[in-house]
């Protein structure tokens, strides 16, 4: 099973439709350009050390994708703010990771819009 992480904590997966799954090693030029009828794209994160999925999220948003964008796999709580800044709406993590990094560790980073490096430079 898995847990969906959003800014307000842990959730059960409520998505019932068809999703597009993208591998983290997909080249940005190979991303879809037509998003008609697509309301969820999941980008794989097989390892927390592989950040290519963050780049794919930025490219998807730059290409005009406005639907739900989900990082799926081994994303750590420390990476949540980066995931949100890159364009992900939510993160799907395995149950064992959720047990090691409970909801409070994720919601601590839910203020990602106010606490980026630019905000610290302005202070």
Protein backbone atom coordinates (compact mmCIF):
# COMPACT_ATOMS: atom_id res chain seq x y z
CA UNK A 1 0.00 0.00 0.00
CA UNK A 2 0.97 3.62 -0.05
CA UNK A 3 0.24 6.96 1.56
CA UNK A 4 -0.52 10.23 -0.23
CA UNK A 5 1.21 13.27 1.26
CA UNK A 6 -0.29 16.74 0.81
CA UNK A 7 0.35 20.03 2.59
CA UNK A 8 -2.13 19.10 5.31
CA UNK A 9 -0.73 15.62 6.05
CA UNK A 10 -1.30 11.99 5.12
CA UNK A 11 -4.24 10.78 3.05
CA UNK A 12 -5.53 7.62 1.47
CA UNK A 13 -5.34 7.55 -2.31
CA UNK A 14 -8.63 8.99 -3.54
CA UNK A 15 -7.88 8.86 -7.27
CA UNK A 16 -10.07 6.42 -9.20
CA UNK A 17 -9.29 7.18 -12.85
CA UNK A 18 -6.54 6.25 -15.26
CA UNK A 19 -3.15 7.84 -14.67
CA UNK A 20 -0.11 8.26 -16.85
CA UNK A 21 3.04 6.84 -15.24
CA UNK A 22 6.37 8.33 -16.25
CA UNK A 23 9.78 6.86 -15.50
CA UNK A 24 12.36 9.14 -13.92
CA UNK A 25 14.81 8.52 -16.77
CA UNK A 26 12.49 9.84 -19.48
CA UNK A 27 14.15 12.64 -21.43
CA UNK A 28 12.30 15.97 -21.14
CA UNK A 29 11.96 16.11 -24.92
CA UNK A 30 10.02 12.84 -24.81
CA UNK A 31 7.36 14.13 -22.41
CA UNK A 32 3.79 14.25 -23.68
CA UNK A 33 2.64 17.51 -25.22
CA UNK A 34 -1.10 16.78 -25.37
CA UNK A 35 -2.75 16.55 -21.98
CA UNK A 36 -6.37 16.37 -23.15
CA UNK A 37 -8.25 14.06 -20.79
CA UNK A 38 -5.23 13.55 -18.50
CA UNK A 39 -5.96 14.50 -14.92
CA UNK A 40 -3.15 12.63 -13.09
CA UNK A 41 0.48 12.07 -14.00
CA UNK A 42 2.72 10.08 -11.66
CA UNK A 43 6.48 10.49 -11.91
CA UNK A 44 8.56 7.63 -10.48
CA UNK A 45 11.21 8.22 -7.81
CA UNK A 46 12.88 4.80 -7.37
CA UNK A 47 15.55 6.38 -5.15
CA UNK A 48 15.64 9.50 -3.01
CA UNK A 49 19.08 10.20 -4.50
CA UNK A 50 17.70 10.48 -8.04
CA UNK A 51 16.31 13.98 -8.62
CA UNK A 52 15.48 13.68 -12.31
CA UNK A 53 11.78 13.55 -11.48
CA UNK A 54 11.95 17.12 -10.17
CA UNK A 55 13.16 18.25 -13.61
CA UNK A 56 10.36 16.34 -15.33
CA UNK A 57 7.79 18.08 -13.12
CA UNK A 58 9.10 21.51 -14.12
CA UNK A 59 9.00 20.55 -17.78
CA UNK A 60 5.44 19.20 -17.51
CA UNK A 61 4.24 22.42 -15.91
CA UNK A 62 6.14 24.50 -18.50
CA UNK A 63 4.38 22.52 -21.25
CA UNK A 64 1.03 23.53 -19.81
CA UNK A 65 0.00 20.52 -17.75
CA UNK A 66 -2.44 21.80 -15.11
CA UNK A 67 -3.76 18.51 -13.76
CA UNK A 68 -2.70 16.61 -10.67
CA UNK A 69 1.00 15.84 -10.61
CA UNK A 70 2.25 13.20 -8.20
CA UNK A 71 5.77 12.16 -7.21
CA UNK A 72 5.65 8.43 -6.54
CA UNK A 73 8.19 6.43 -4.61
CA UNK A 74 11.17 7.24 -2.45
CA UNK A 75 10.80 10.95 -1.80
CA UNK A 76 11.94 11.99 1.68
CA UNK A 77 10.21 14.51 3.94
CA UNK A 78 13.27 16.76 3.50
CA UNK A 79 12.55 16.81 -0.24
CA UNK A 80 8.87 17.73 0.09
CA UNK A 81 9.37 21.48 -0.29
CA UNK A 82 11.44 20.93 -3.44
CA UNK A 83 8.77 18.62 -4.85
CA UNK A 84 6.09 21.27 -4.30
CA UNK A 85 8.24 24.05 -5.76
CA UNK A 86 8.90 21.96 -8.87
CA UNK A 87 5.19 21.58 -9.51
CA UNK A 88 4.12 18.39 -7.76
CA UNK A 89 0.75 18.59 -6.02
CA UNK A 90 1.33 15.54 -3.85
CA UNK A 91 3.72 12.74 -3.06
CA UNK A 92 2.93 9.03 -2.87
CA UNK A 93 5.20 7.15 -0.49
CA UNK A 94 5.29 3.50 0.59
CA UNK A 95 3.85 2.59 3.99
CA UNK A 96 7.27 1.73 5.43
CA UNK A 97 8.60 5.21 4.61
CA UNK A 98 5.49 6.78 6.13
CA UNK A 99 6.17 4.81 9.33
CA UNK A 100 9.78 6.08 9.48
CA UNK A 101 8.84 9.65 8.58
CA UNK A 102 5.42 10.40 10.11
CA UNK A 103 3.02 13.10 8.94
CA UNK A 104 4.40 15.79 11.25
CA UNK A 105 7.76 15.64 9.47
CA UNK A 106 6.01 16.32 6.17
CA UNK A 107 3.64 19.04 7.39
CA UNK A 108 6.62 20.81 8.98
CA UNK A 109 7.76 21.43 5.40
CA UNK A 110 4.30 22.37 4.09
CA UNK A 111 5.09 26.10 4.29
CA UNK A 112 7.25 25.66 1.20
CA UNK A 113 6.02 28.88 -0.42
CA UNK A 114 7.14 31.13 2.42
CA UNK A 115 10.45 29.55 3.33
CA UNK A 116 12.50 29.25 0.18
CA UNK A 117 15.98 30.65 -0.23
CA UNK A 118 14.66 33.88 -1.81
CA UNK A 119 12.52 34.59 1.25
CA UNK A 120 15.58 34.12 3.48
CA UNK A 121 17.62 36.50 1.30
CA UNK A 122 14.96 39.21 1.58
CA UNK A 123 14.85 38.96 5.38
